[in-house]
Amino acid sequence: MLIEIESAYGDKLIHGSHLDRKELQNALKKILQTVSEEDFLSVFCARYGYEELPYSDTVHIDYTIDLDTHLLIKPKY
């Protein structure tokens, strides 16, 4: 599963095991209750076993997590 993280701290691309939309929304909410947007990526990756890839805006992603608005977005291709 590929997830793009959009943030004022820089856009990132991560991959790991499949999570459904509800699981991702719960993870986003739960993590942001305890850490800042700046620390979200490292906590999410450690907790869910994801790793960062070199960023590319040309790959097809499964979801975008917008840390500025705390939204989970499913892109349409």
PDB file of N, CA and C in Angstrom:
ATOM      1  N   MET A   1       0.850  -1.168   0.000  1.00  0.00           N
ATOM      2  CA  MET A   1       0.000   0.000   0.000  1.00  0.00           C
ATOM      3  C   MET A   1       0.895   1.230   0.000  1.00  0.00           C
ATOM      4  N   LEU A   2       0.583   2.174  -0.874  1.00  0.00           N
ATOM      5  CA  LEU A   2       1.329   3.430  -0.959  1.00  0.00           C
ATOM      6  C   LEU A   2       0.490   4.570  -0.407  1.00  0.00           C
ATOM      7  N   ILE A   3       1.086   5.349   0.477  1.00  0.00           N
ATOM      8  CA  ILE A   3       0.409   6.486   1.082  1.00  0.00           C
ATOM      9  C   ILE A   3       1.292   7.714   0.904  1.00  0.00           C
ATOM     10  N   GLU A   4       0.675   8.791   0.445  1.00  0.00           N
ATOM     11  CA  GLU A   4       1.360  10.074   0.356  1.00  0.00           C
ATOM     12  C   GLU A   4       0.999  10.872   1.601  1.00  0.00           C
ATOM     13  N   ILE A   5       2.007  11.471   2.213  1.00  0.00           N
ATOM     14  CA  ILE A   5       1.795  12.346   3.359  1.00  0.00           C
ATOM     15  C   ILE A   5       2.038  13.770   2.868  1.00  0.00           C
ATOM     16  N   GLU A   6       0.993  14.589   2.891  1.00  0.00           N
ATOM     17  CA  GLU A   6       1.127  16.001   2.534  1.00  0.00           C
ATOM     18  C   GLU A   6       1.210  16.802   3.820  1.00  0.00           C
ATOM     19  N   SER A   7       2.238  17.656   3.886  1.00  0.00           N
ATOM     20  CA  SER A   7       2.452  18.391   5.121  1.00  0.00           C
ATOM     21  C   SER A   7       3.267  19.648   4.849  1.00  0.00           C
ATOM     22  N   ALA A   8       3.121  20.613   5.720  1.00  0.00           N
ATOM     23  CA  ALA A   8       3.949  21.810   5.659  1.00  0.00           C
ATOM     24  C   ALA A   8       5.417  21.465   5.902  1.00  0.00           C
ATOM     25  N   TYR A   9       5.673  20.296   6.480  1.00  0.00           N
ATOM     26  CA  TYR A   9       7.039  19.856   6.769  1.00  0.00           C
ATOM     27  C   TYR A   9       7.650  19.096   5.595  1.00  0.00           C
ATOM     28  N   GLY A  10       6.922  18.991   4.501  1.00  0.00           N
ATOM     29  CA  GLY A  10       7.410  18.302   3.307  1.00  0.00           C
ATOM     30  C   GLY A  10       6.553  17.101   2.976  1.00  0.00           C
ATOM     31  N   ASP A  11       6.360  16.869   1.697  1.00  0.00           N
ATOM     32  CA  ASP A  11       5.577  15.731   1.248  1.00  0.00           C
ATOM     33  C   ASP A  11       6.432  14.470   1.277  1.00  0.00           C
ATOM     34  N   LYS A  12       5.822  13.367   1.682  1.00  0.00           N
ATOM     35  CA  LYS A  12       6.533  12.095   1.820  1.00  0.00           C
ATOM     36  C   LYS A  12       5.714  10.992   1.166  1.00  0.00           C
ATOM     37  N   LEU A  13       6.380   9.911   0.820  1.00  0.00           N
ATOM     38  CA  LEU A  13       5.739   8.732   0.260  1.00  0.00           C
ATOM     39  C   LEU A  13       6.170   7.547   1.118  1.00  0.00           C
ATOM     40  N   ILE A  14       5.181   6.788   1.624  1.00  0.00           N
ATOM     41  CA  ILE A  14       5.492   5.645   2.474  1.00  0.00           C
ATOM     42  C   ILE A  14       4.753   4.412   1.959  1.00  0.00           C
ATOM     43  N   HIS A  15       5.276   3.265   2.298  1.00  0.00           N
ATOM     44  CA  HIS A  15       4.583   2.024   1.919  1.00  0.00           C
ATOM     45  C   HIS A  15       4.693   1.003   3.029  1.00  0.00           C
ATOM     46  N   GLY A  16       3.690   0.107   3.041  1.00  0.00           N
ATOM     47  CA  GLY A  16       3.643  -0.939   4.048  1.00  0.00           C
ATOM     48  C   GLY A  16       2.424  -1.812   3.815  1.00  0.00           C
ATOM     49  N   SER A  17       2.035  -2.544   4.838  1.00  0.00           N
ATOM     50  CA  SER A  17       0.918  -3.481   4.714  1.00  0.00           C
ATOM     51  C   SER A  17      -0.392  -2.726   4.496  1.00  0.00           C
ATOM     52  N   HIS A  18      -1.358  -3.434   3.930  1.00  0.00           N
ATOM     53  CA  HIS A  18      -2.646  -2.816   3.603  1.00  0.00           C
ATOM     54  C   HIS A  18      -3.441  -2.490   4.860  1.00  0.00           C
ATOM     55  N   LEU A  19      -3.966  -1.271   4.892  1.00  0.00           N
ATOM     56  CA  LEU A  19      -4.908  -0.839   5.921  1.00  0.00           C
ATOM     57  C   LEU A  19      -6.146  -0.325   5.200  1.00  0.00           C
ATOM     58  N   ASP A  20      -7.329  -0.641   5.701  1.00  0.00           N
ATOM     59  CA  ASP A  20      -8.519  -0.100   5.046  1.00  0.00           C
ATOM     60  C   ASP A  20      -8.748   1.340   5.501  1.00  0.00           C
ATOM     61  N   ARG A  21      -9.714   1.993   4.870  1.00  0.00           N
ATOM     62  CA  ARG A  21      -9.961   3.410   5.129  1.00  0.00           C
ATOM     63  C   ARG A  21     -10.247   3.684   6.607  1.00  0.00           C
ATOM     64  N   LYS A  22     -11.059   2.846   7.220  1.00  0.00           N
ATOM     65  CA  LYS A  22     -11.407   3.047   8.632  1.00  0.00           C
ATOM     66  C   LYS A  22     -10.167   2.913   9.524  1.00  0.00           C
ATOM     67  N   GLU A  23      -9.327   1.916   9.240  1.00  0.00           N
ATOM     68  CA  GLU A  23      -8.092   1.740  10.014  1.00  0.00           C
ATOM     69  C   GLU A  23      -7.180   2.957   9.870  1.00  0.00           C
ATOM     70  N   LEU A  24      -7.069   3.490   8.657  1.00  0.00           N
ATOM     71  CA  LEU A  24      -6.237   4.673   8.442  1.00  0.00           C
ATOM     72  C   LEU A  24      -6.801   5.893   9.162  1.00  0.00           C
ATOM     73  N   GLN A  25      -8.113   6.089   9.098  1.00  0.00           N
ATOM     74  CA  GLN A  25      -8.733   7.216   9.789  1.00  0.00           C
ATOM     75  C   GLN A  25      -8.518   7.114  11.297  1.00  0.00           C
ATOM     76  N   ASN A  26      -8.670   5.916  11.844  1.00  0.00           N
ATOM     77  CA  ASN A  26      -8.443   5.722  13.278  1.00  0.00           C
ATOM     78  C   ASN A  26      -6.988   5.984  13.650  1.00  0.00           C
ATOM     79  N   ALA A  27      -6.063   5.513  12.814  1.00  0.00           N
ATOM     80  CA  ALA A  27      -4.636   5.734  13.070  1.00  0.00           C
ATOM     81  C   ALA A  27      -4.316   7.223  13.046  1.00  0.00           C
ATOM     82  N   LEU A  28      -4.828   7.917  12.053  1.00  0.00           N
ATOM     83  CA  LEU A  28      -4.596   9.361  11.929  1.00  0.00           C
ATOM     84  C   LEU A  28      -5.092  10.085  13.172  1.00  0.00           C
ATOM     85  N   LYS A  29      -6.312   9.800  13.571  1.00  0.00           N
ATOM     86  CA  LYS A  29      -6.905  10.455  14.735  1.00  0.00           C
ATOM     87  C   LYS A  29      -6.143  10.126  16.017  1.00  0.00           C
ATOM     88  N   LYS A  30      -5.869   8.852  16.227  1.00  0.00           N
ATOM     89  CA  LYS A  30      -5.218   8.413  17.464  1.00  0.00           C
ATOM     90  C   LYS A  30      -3.802   8.984  17.599  1.00  0.00           C
ATOM     91  N   ILE A  31      -3.040   8.944  16.521  1.00  0.00           N
ATOM     92  CA  ILE A  31      -1.661   9.443  16.583  1.00  0.00           C
ATOM     93  C   ILE A  31      -1.634  10.947  16.791  1.00  0.00           C
ATOM     94  N   LEU A  32      -2.512  11.677  16.087  1.00  0.00           N
ATOM     95  CA  LEU A  32      -2.500  13.135  16.221  1.00  0.00           C
ATOM     96  C   LEU A  32      -3.045  13.615  17.565  1.00  0.00           C
ATOM     97  N   GLN A  33      -3.665  12.715  18.335  1.00  0.00           N
ATOM     98  CA  GLN A  33      -4.077  13.071  19.695  1.00  0.00           C
ATOM     99  C   GLN A  33      -2.882  13.102  20.644  1.00  0.00           C
ATOM    100  N   THR A  34      -1.799  12.410  20.244  1.00  0.00           N
ATOM    101  CA  THR A  34      -0.660  12.297  21.159  1.00  0.00           C
ATOM    102  C   THR A  34       0.610  12.981  20.671  1.00  0.00           C
ATOM    103  N   VAL A  35       0.730  13.215  19.361  1.00  0.00           N
ATOM    104  CA  VAL A  35       1.943  13.857  18.830  1.00  0.00           C
ATOM    105  C   VAL A  35       1.563  14.957  17.851  1.00  0.00           C
ATOM    106  N   SER A  36       2.537  15.798  17.522  1.00  0.00           N
ATOM    107  CA  SER A  36       2.310  16.888  16.575  1.00  0.00           C
ATOM    108  C   SER A  36       2.350  16.368  15.136  1.00  0.00           C
ATOM    109  N   GLU A  37       1.906  17.210  14.214  1.00  0.00           N
ATOM    110  CA  GLU A  37       1.968  16.861  12.796  1.00  0.00           C
ATOM    111  C   GLU A  37       3.411  16.586  12.367  1.00  0.00           C
ATOM    112  N   GLU A  38       4.344  17.303  12.948  1.00  0.00           N
ATOM    113  CA  GLU A  38       5.759  17.134  12.607  1.00  0.00           C
ATOM    114  C   GLU A  38       6.263  15.732  12.951  1.00  0.00           C
ATOM    115  N   ASP A  39       5.752  15.145  14.028  1.00  0.00           N
ATOM    116  CA  ASP A  39       6.197  13.820  14.474  1.00  0.00           C
ATOM    117  C   ASP A  39       5.321  12.685  13.964  1.00  0.00           C
ATOM    118  N   PHE A  40       4.244  13.006  13.262  1.00  0.00           N
ATOM    119  CA  PHE A  40       3.293  11.994  12.811  1.00  0.00           C
ATOM    120  C   PHE A  40       3.956  10.895  11.991  1.00  0.00           C
ATOM    121  N   LEU A  41       4.755  11.268  11.008  1.00  0.00           N
ATOM    122  CA  LEU A  41       5.339  10.288  10.086  1.00  0.00           C
ATOM    123  C   LEU A  41       6.162   9.232  10.817  1.00  0.00           C
ATOM    124  N   SER A  42       7.041   9.644  11.700  1.00  0.00           N
ATOM    125  CA  SER A  42       7.902   8.673  12.389  1.00  0.00           C
ATOM    126  C   SER A  42       7.086   7.752  13.294  1.00  0.00           C
ATOM    127  N   VAL A  43       6.074   8.291  13.970  1.00  0.00           N
ATOM    128  CA  VAL A  43       5.240   7.471  14.845  1.00  0.00           C
ATOM    129  C   VAL A  43       4.400   6.504  14.020  1.00  0.00           C
ATOM    130  N   PHE A  44       3.792   6.979  12.938  1.00  0.00           N
ATOM    131  CA  PHE A  44       2.973   6.114  12.088  1.00  0.00           C
ATOM    132  C   PHE A  44       3.811   4.973  11.527  1.00  0.00           C
ATOM    133  N   CYS A  45       4.985   5.296  10.997  1.00  0.00           N
ATOM    134  CA  CYS A  45       5.850   4.266  10.403  1.00  0.00           C
ATOM    135  C   CYS A  45       6.288   3.239  11.444  1.00  0.00           C
ATOM    136  N   ALA A  46       6.647   3.687  12.635  1.00  0.00           N
ATOM    137  CA  ALA A  46       7.083   2.767  13.687  1.00  0.00           C
ATOM    138  C   ALA A  46       5.933   1.877  14.150  1.00  0.00           C
ATOM    139  N   ARG A  47       4.760   2.458  14.303  1.00  0.00           N
ATOM    140  CA  ARG A  47       3.619   1.724  14.830  1.00  0.00           C
ATOM    141  C   ARG A  47       3.044   0.719  13.827  1.00  0.00           C
ATOM    142  N   TYR A  48       3.061   1.072  12.541  1.00  0.00           N
ATOM    143  CA  TYR A  48       2.403   0.232  11.538  1.00  0.00           C
ATOM    144  C   TYR A  48       3.381  -0.450  10.573  1.00  0.00           C
ATOM    145  N   GLY A  49       4.674  -0.325  10.817  1.00  0.00           N
ATOM    146  CA  GLY A  49       5.660  -1.030  10.015  1.00  0.00           C
ATOM    147  C   GLY A  49       5.821  -0.488   8.607  1.00  0.00           C
ATOM    148  N   TYR A  50       5.584   0.790   8.397  1.00  0.00           N
ATOM    149  CA  TYR A  50       5.758   1.409   7.086  1.00  0.00           C
ATOM    150  C   TYR A  50       7.171   1.946   6.951  1.00  0.00           C
ATOM    151  N   GLU A  51       7.610   2.106   5.710  1.00  0.00           N
ATOM    152  CA  GLU A  51       8.914   2.714   5.475  1.00  0.00           C
ATOM    153  C   GLU A  51       8.792   3.771   4.395  1.00  0.00           C
ATOM    154  N   GLU A  52       9.669   4.762   4.486  1.00  0.00           N
ATOM    155  CA  GLU A  52       9.644   5.880   3.552  1.00  0.00           C
ATOM    156  C   GLU A  52      10.340   5.514   2.247  1.00  0.00           C
ATOM    157  N   LEU A  53       9.767   5.968   1.147  1.00  0.00           N
ATOM    158  CA  LEU A  53      10.339   5.796  -0.183  1.00  0.00           C
ATOM    159  C   LEU A  53      10.764   7.163  -0.708  1.00  0.00           C
ATOM    160  N   PRO A  54      11.631   7.185  -1.703  1.00  0.00           N
ATOM    161  CA  PRO A  54      11.931   8.481  -2.339  1.00  0.00           C
ATOM    162  C   PRO A  54      10.636   9.079  -2.895  1.00  0.00           C
ATOM    163  N   TYR A  55      10.414  10.356  -2.664  1.00  0.00           N
ATOM    164  CA  TYR A  55       9.152  10.973  -3.064  1.00  0.00           C
ATOM    165  C   TYR A  55       9.059  11.112  -4.574  1.00  0.00           C
ATOM    166  N   SER A  56       7.878  10.816  -5.091  1.00  0.00           N
ATOM    167  CA  SER A  56       7.567  11.002  -6.504  1.00  0.00           C
ATOM    168  C   SER A  56       6.092  11.353  -6.607  1.00  0.00           C
ATOM    169  N   ASP A  57       5.791  12.380  -7.388  1.00  0.00           N
ATOM    170  CA  ASP A  57       4.384  12.736  -7.562  1.00  0.00           C
ATOM    171  C   ASP A  57       3.781  12.086  -8.801  1.00  0.00           C
ATOM    172  N   THR A  58       4.520  11.141  -9.402  1.00  0.00           N
ATOM    173  CA  THR A  58       4.034  10.477 -10.614  1.00  0.00           C
ATOM    174  C   THR A  58       3.528   9.057 -10.360  1.00  0.00           C
ATOM    175  N   VAL A  59       3.649   8.552  -9.154  1.00  0.00           N
ATOM    176  CA  VAL A  59       3.184   7.198  -8.852  1.00  0.00           C
ATOM    177  C   VAL A  59       1.714   7.229  -8.438  1.00  0.00           C
ATOM    178  N   HIS A  60       1.020   6.134  -8.637  1.00  0.00           N
ATOM    179  CA  HIS A  60      -0.367   6.004  -8.200  1.00  0.00           C
ATOM    180  C   HIS A  60      -0.379   5.560  -6.744  1.00  0.00           C
ATOM    181  N   ILE A  61      -1.000   6.361  -5.914  1.00  0.00           N
ATOM    182  CA  ILE A  61      -1.043   6.080  -4.478  1.00  0.00           C
ATOM    183  C   ILE A  61      -2.427   5.587  -4.088  1.00  0.00           C
ATOM    184  N   ASP A  62      -2.493   4.915  -2.948  1.00  0.00           N
ATOM    185  CA  ASP A  62      -3.772   4.419  -2.445  1.00  0.00           C
ATOM    186  C   ASP A  62      -4.528   5.494  -1.665  1.00  0.00           C
ATOM    187  N   TYR A  63      -3.801   6.267  -0.852  1.00  0.00           N
ATOM    188  CA  TYR A  63      -4.403   7.331  -0.060  1.00  0.00           C
ATOM    189  C   TYR A  63      -3.414   8.473   0.115  1.00  0.00           C
ATOM    190  N   THR A  64      -3.973   9.649   0.376  1.00  0.00           N
ATOM    191  CA  THR A  64      -3.196  10.804   0.805  1.00  0.00           C
ATOM    192  C   THR A  64      -3.654  11.168   2.200  1.00  0.00           C
ATOM    193  N   ILE A  65      -2.691  11.362   3.092  1.00  0.00           N
ATOM    194  CA  ILE A  65      -2.983  11.895   4.419  1.00  0.00           C
ATOM    195  C   ILE A  65      -2.517  13.337   4.417  1.00  0.00           C
ATOM    196  N   ASP A  66      -3.454  14.266   4.554  1.00  0.00           N
ATOM    197  CA  ASP A  66      -3.134  15.687   4.592  1.00  0.00           C
ATOM    198  C   ASP A  66      -3.023  16.096   6.058  1.00  0.00           C
ATOM    199  N   LEU A  67      -1.808  16.320   6.505  1.00  0.00           N
ATOM    200  CA  LEU A  67      -1.596  16.639   7.916  1.00  0.00           C
ATOM    201  C   LEU A  67      -1.972  18.077   8.267  1.00  0.00           C
ATOM    202  N   ASP A  68      -2.097  18.936   7.255  1.00  0.00           N
ATOM    203  CA  ASP A  68      -2.492  20.316   7.531  1.00  0.00           C
ATOM    204  C   ASP A  68      -3.978  20.407   7.869  1.00  0.00           C
ATOM    205  N   THR A  69      -4.780  19.535   7.258  1.00  0.00           N
ATOM    206  CA  THR A  69      -6.224  19.562   7.490  1.00  0.00           C
ATOM    207  C   THR A  69      -6.739  18.327   8.229  1.00  0.00           C
ATOM    208  N   HIS A  70      -5.833  17.355   8.459  1.00  0.00           N
ATOM    209  CA  HIS A  70      -6.165  16.085   9.127  1.00  0.00           C
ATOM    210  C   HIS A  70      -7.189  15.275   8.340  1.00  0.00           C
ATOM    211  N   LEU A  71      -7.082  15.330   7.009  1.00  0.00           N
ATOM    212  CA  LEU A  71      -7.998  14.604   6.142  1.00  0.00           C
ATOM    213  C   LEU A  71      -7.318  13.407   5.504  1.00  0.00           C
ATOM    214  N   LEU A  72      -8.110  12.372   5.262  1.00  0.00           N
ATOM    215  CA  LEU A  72      -7.682  11.202   4.527  1.00  0.00           C
ATOM    216  C   LEU A  72      -8.388  11.245   3.176  1.00  0.00           C
ATOM    217  N   ILE A  73      -7.612  11.233   2.096  1.00  0.00           N
ATOM    218  CA  ILE A  73      -8.157  11.412   0.750  1.00  0.00           C
ATOM    219  C   ILE A  73      -7.831  10.194  -0.106  1.00  0.00           C
ATOM    220  N   LYS A  74      -8.845   9.681  -0.796  1.00  0.00           N
ATOM    221  CA  LYS A  74      -8.680   8.569  -1.739  1.00  0.00           C
ATOM    222  C   LYS A  74      -8.645   9.188  -3.142  1.00  0.00           C
ATOM    223  N   PRO A  75      -7.472   9.193  -3.800  1.00  0.00           N
ATOM    224  CA  PRO A  75      -7.404   9.792  -5.135  1.00  0.00           C
ATOM    225  C   PRO A  75      -8.136   8.948  -6.171  1.00  0.00           C
ATOM    226  N   LYS A  76      -8.625   9.612  -7.202  1.00  0.00           N
ATOM    227  CA  LYS A  76      -9.277   8.933  -8.323  1.00  0.00           C
ATOM    228  C   LYS A  76      -8.366   9.065  -9.535  1.00  0.00           C
ATOM    229  N   TYR A  77      -8.090   7.949 -10.169  1.00  0.00           N
ATOM    230  CA  TYR A  77      -7.237   7.938 -11.355  1.00  0.00           C
ATOM    231  C   TYR A  77      -8.037   7.575 -12.569  1.00  0.00           C
TER     232      TYR A  77
END
